Amino acid sequence: MILIVKWFAKKGEIGLTNPTYFNVKTEQKDYTRVPSDWKERFISAYDKELQLWVDGIKHDEITGPSAWDGYMASVTTNACSESRDNGYKVEIKFDEKPSLYQ
């Protein structure tokens, strides 16, 4: 599993454990190549997600994210965007979780 954590600020970003393919250190600088599209960077995670879905079908189990997970991601993203745009902290508030997703 790869965990990616990022903090964004006015002058740039800080990221932890971003997949690195190679880097060059020279003249007191460290350069890391960034993939040009999503495939190279996320293909391994995408393959694992699809395999878990296939395995779930084989075992008659529901796997992977739900619509509730999508809702939570959307609310969180909206709050982060509001905070970024306005420069203040935004509390993330979710509706009560429906029994369907308990």
C-alpha atoms as a PDB file:
ATOM      1  CA  MET A   1       0.000   0.000   0.000  1.00  0.00           C
ATOM      2  CA  ILE A   2       1.211   3.480  -0.837  1.00  0.00           C
ATOM      3  CA  LEU A   3       0.096   6.302   1.424  1.00  0.00           C
ATOM      4  CA  ILE A   4       0.226   9.750  -0.108  1.00  0.00           C
ATOM      5  CA  VAL A   5      -0.212  12.782   2.139  1.00  0.00           C
ATOM      6  CA  LYS A   6       0.018  16.329   0.814  1.00  0.00           C
ATOM      7  CA  TRP A   7      -0.124  19.795   2.304  1.00  0.00           C
ATOM      8  CA  PHE A   8      -0.759  22.676  -0.076  1.00  0.00           C
ATOM      9  CA  ALA A   9       0.280  26.262   0.560  1.00  0.00           C
ATOM     10  CA  LYS A  10       0.581  29.501  -1.379  1.00  0.00           C
ATOM     11  CA  LYS A  11       4.169  28.842  -2.456  1.00  0.00           C
ATOM     12  CA  GLY A  12       4.033  25.119  -3.143  1.00  0.00           C
ATOM     13  CA  GLU A  13       3.279  21.766  -1.613  1.00  0.00           C
ATOM     14  CA  ILE A  14       4.815  19.181   0.690  1.00  0.00           C
ATOM     15  CA  GLY A  15       4.221  15.499  -0.033  1.00  0.00           C
ATOM     16  CA  LEU A  16       5.092  12.368   1.919  1.00  0.00           C
ATOM     17  CA  THR A  17       5.832   8.947   0.436  1.00  0.00           C
ATOM     18  CA  ASN A  18       5.076   9.874  -3.134  1.00  0.00           C
ATOM     19  CA  PRO A  19       6.170   7.032  -5.430  1.00  0.00           C
ATOM     20  CA  THR A  20       9.598   7.862  -6.818  1.00  0.00           C
ATOM     21  CA  TYR A  21      10.850   6.324 -10.039  1.00  0.00           C
ATOM     22  CA  PHE A  22      14.270   7.945  -9.947  1.00  0.00           C
ATOM     23  CA  ASN A  23      15.833  11.145  -8.755  1.00  0.00           C
ATOM     24  CA  VAL A  24      18.976  13.129  -9.504  1.00  0.00           C
ATOM     25  CA  LYS A  25      21.034  14.960  -6.899  1.00  0.00           C
ATOM     26  CA  THR A  26      23.471  17.569  -8.156  1.00  0.00           C
ATOM     27  CA  GLU A  27      24.708  20.996  -7.134  1.00  0.00           C
ATOM     28  CA  GLN A  28      22.932  20.780  -3.758  1.00  0.00           C
ATOM     29  CA  LYS A  29      19.582  20.117  -5.434  1.00  0.00           C
ATOM     30  CA  ASP A  30      17.395  17.047  -5.620  1.00  0.00           C
ATOM     31  CA  TYR A  31      15.319  16.503  -8.776  1.00  0.00           C
ATOM     32  CA  THR A  32      12.558  13.912  -9.024  1.00  0.00           C
ATOM     33  CA  ARG A  33      10.858  13.036 -12.278  1.00  0.00           C
ATOM     34  CA  VAL A  34       7.067  13.372 -12.275  1.00  0.00           C
ATOM     35  CA  PRO A  35       5.079  11.025 -14.545  1.00  0.00           C
ATOM     36  CA  SER A  36       3.281  12.800 -17.387  1.00  0.00           C
ATOM     37  CA  ASP A  37      -0.084  11.078 -16.819  1.00  0.00           C
ATOM     38  CA  TRP A  38      -1.971   9.037 -14.235  1.00  0.00           C
ATOM     39  CA  LYS A  39      -1.248   5.603 -15.705  1.00  0.00           C
ATOM     40  CA  GLU A  40       2.373   5.310 -14.693  1.00  0.00           C
ATOM     41  CA  ARG A  41       1.783   6.759 -11.257  1.00  0.00           C
ATOM     42  CA  PHE A  42      -1.405   4.932 -10.271  1.00  0.00           C
ATOM     43  CA  ILE A  43      -1.574   1.789 -12.441  1.00  0.00           C
ATOM     44  CA  SER A  44      -0.497  -0.535  -9.624  1.00  0.00           C
ATOM     45  CA  ALA A  45      -3.211   0.787  -7.285  1.00  0.00           C
ATOM     46  CA  TYR A  46      -5.776   0.654 -10.102  1.00  0.00           C
ATOM     47  CA  ASP A  47      -4.877  -2.983 -10.860  1.00  0.00           C
ATOM     48  CA  LYS A  48      -5.185  -3.927  -7.170  1.00  0.00           C
ATOM     49  CA  GLU A  49      -8.558  -2.190  -6.887  1.00  0.00           C
ATOM     50  CA  LEU A  50      -9.911  -4.049  -9.919  1.00  0.00           C
ATOM     51  CA  GLN A  51      -8.565  -7.371  -8.640  1.00  0.00           C
ATOM     52  CA  LEU A  52     -10.293  -6.868  -5.273  1.00  0.00           C
ATOM     53  CA  TRP A  53     -13.535  -6.157  -7.141  1.00  0.00           C
ATOM     54  CA  VAL A  54     -13.168  -9.353  -9.231  1.00  0.00           C
ATOM     55  CA  ASP A  55     -12.333 -11.386  -6.108  1.00  0.00           C
ATOM     56  CA  GLY A  56     -15.424  -9.965  -4.402  1.00  0.00           C
ATOM     57  CA  ILE A  57     -17.620 -11.068  -7.307  1.00  0.00           C
ATOM     58  CA  LYS A  58     -16.125 -14.575  -7.174  1.00  0.00           C
ATOM     59  CA  HIS A  59     -16.952 -14.818  -3.448  1.00  0.00           C
ATOM     60  CA  ASP A  60     -20.333 -13.049  -3.690  1.00  0.00           C
ATOM     61  CA  GLU A  61     -19.084 -10.186  -1.498  1.00  0.00           C
ATOM     62  CA  ILE A  62     -19.393  -6.448  -1.904  1.00  0.00           C
ATOM     63  CA  THR A  63     -15.952  -4.845  -1.876  1.00  0.00           C
ATOM     64  CA  GLY A  64     -14.520  -1.427  -2.503  1.00  0.00           C
ATOM     65  CA  PRO A  65     -15.888   2.026  -1.878  1.00  0.00           C
ATOM     66  CA  SER A  66     -19.594   2.718  -1.505  1.00  0.00           C
ATOM     67  CA  ALA A  67     -21.728   5.682  -2.506  1.00  0.00           C
ATOM     68  CA  TRP A  68     -21.342   6.824   1.117  1.00  0.00           C
ATOM     69  CA  ASP A  69     -17.561   6.865   0.688  1.00  0.00           C
ATOM     70  CA  GLY A  70     -18.034   8.998  -2.421  1.00  0.00           C
ATOM     71  CA  TYR A  71     -20.298  11.372  -0.492  1.00  0.00           C
ATOM     72  CA  MET A  72     -17.704  11.729   2.296  1.00  0.00           C
ATOM     73  CA  ALA A  73     -14.942  12.382  -0.247  1.00  0.00           C
ATOM     74  CA  SER A  74     -17.083  15.022  -1.965  1.00  0.00           C
ATOM     75  CA  VAL A  75     -17.932  16.847   1.281  1.00  0.00           C
ATOM     76  CA  THR A  76     -14.277  16.742   2.343  1.00  0.00           C
ATOM     77  CA  THR A  77     -13.079  18.037  -1.025  1.00  0.00           C
ATOM     78  CA  ASN A  78     -15.605  20.882  -0.963  1.00  0.00           C
ATOM     79  CA  ALA A  79     -14.479  21.914   2.531  1.00  0.00           C
ATOM     80  CA  CYS A  80     -10.812  21.779   1.485  1.00  0.00           C
ATOM     81  CA  SER A  81     -11.543  23.924  -1.574  1.00  0.00           C
ATOM     82  CA  GLU A  82     -13.430  26.463   0.531  1.00  0.00           C
ATOM     83  CA  SER A  83     -10.534  26.619   2.999  1.00  0.00           C
ATOM     84  CA  ARG A  84      -8.005  27.037   0.213  1.00  0.00           C
ATOM     85  CA  ASP A  85     -10.018  29.739  -1.549  1.00  0.00           C
ATOM     86  CA  ASN A  86     -10.842  31.764   1.571  1.00  0.00           C
ATOM     87  CA  GLY A  87      -7.801  31.138   3.775  1.00  0.00           C
ATOM     88  CA  TYR A  88      -9.600  29.890   6.877  1.00  0.00           C
ATOM     89  CA  LYS A  89     -10.295  26.552   8.545  1.00  0.00           C
ATOM     90  CA  VAL A  90     -13.510  24.829   7.513  1.00  0.00           C
ATOM     91  CA  GLU A  91     -15.186  22.226   9.684  1.00  0.00           C
ATOM     92  CA  ILE A  92     -16.112  19.097   7.761  1.00  0.00           C
ATOM     93  CA  LYS A  93     -19.715  18.155   8.575  1.00  0.00           C
ATOM     94  CA  PHE A  94     -21.324  14.942   7.350  1.00  0.00           C
ATOM     95  CA  ASP A  95     -24.986  14.005   7.360  1.00  0.00           C
ATOM     96  CA  GLU A  96     -25.951  11.056   9.552  1.00  0.00           C
ATOM     97  CA  LYS A  97     -24.847   7.803   7.950  1.00  0.00           C
ATOM     98  CA  PRO A  98     -27.864   5.904   6.547  1.00  0.00           C
ATOM     99  CA  SER A  99     -28.481   2.408   7.907  1.00  0.00           C
ATOM    100  CA  LEU A 100     -27.812   1.012   4.427  1.00  0.00           C
ATOM    101  CA  TYR A 101     -24.109   1.803   4.913  1.00  0.00           C
ATOM    102  CA  GLN A 102     -23.795   0.633   8.548  1.00  0.00           C
END
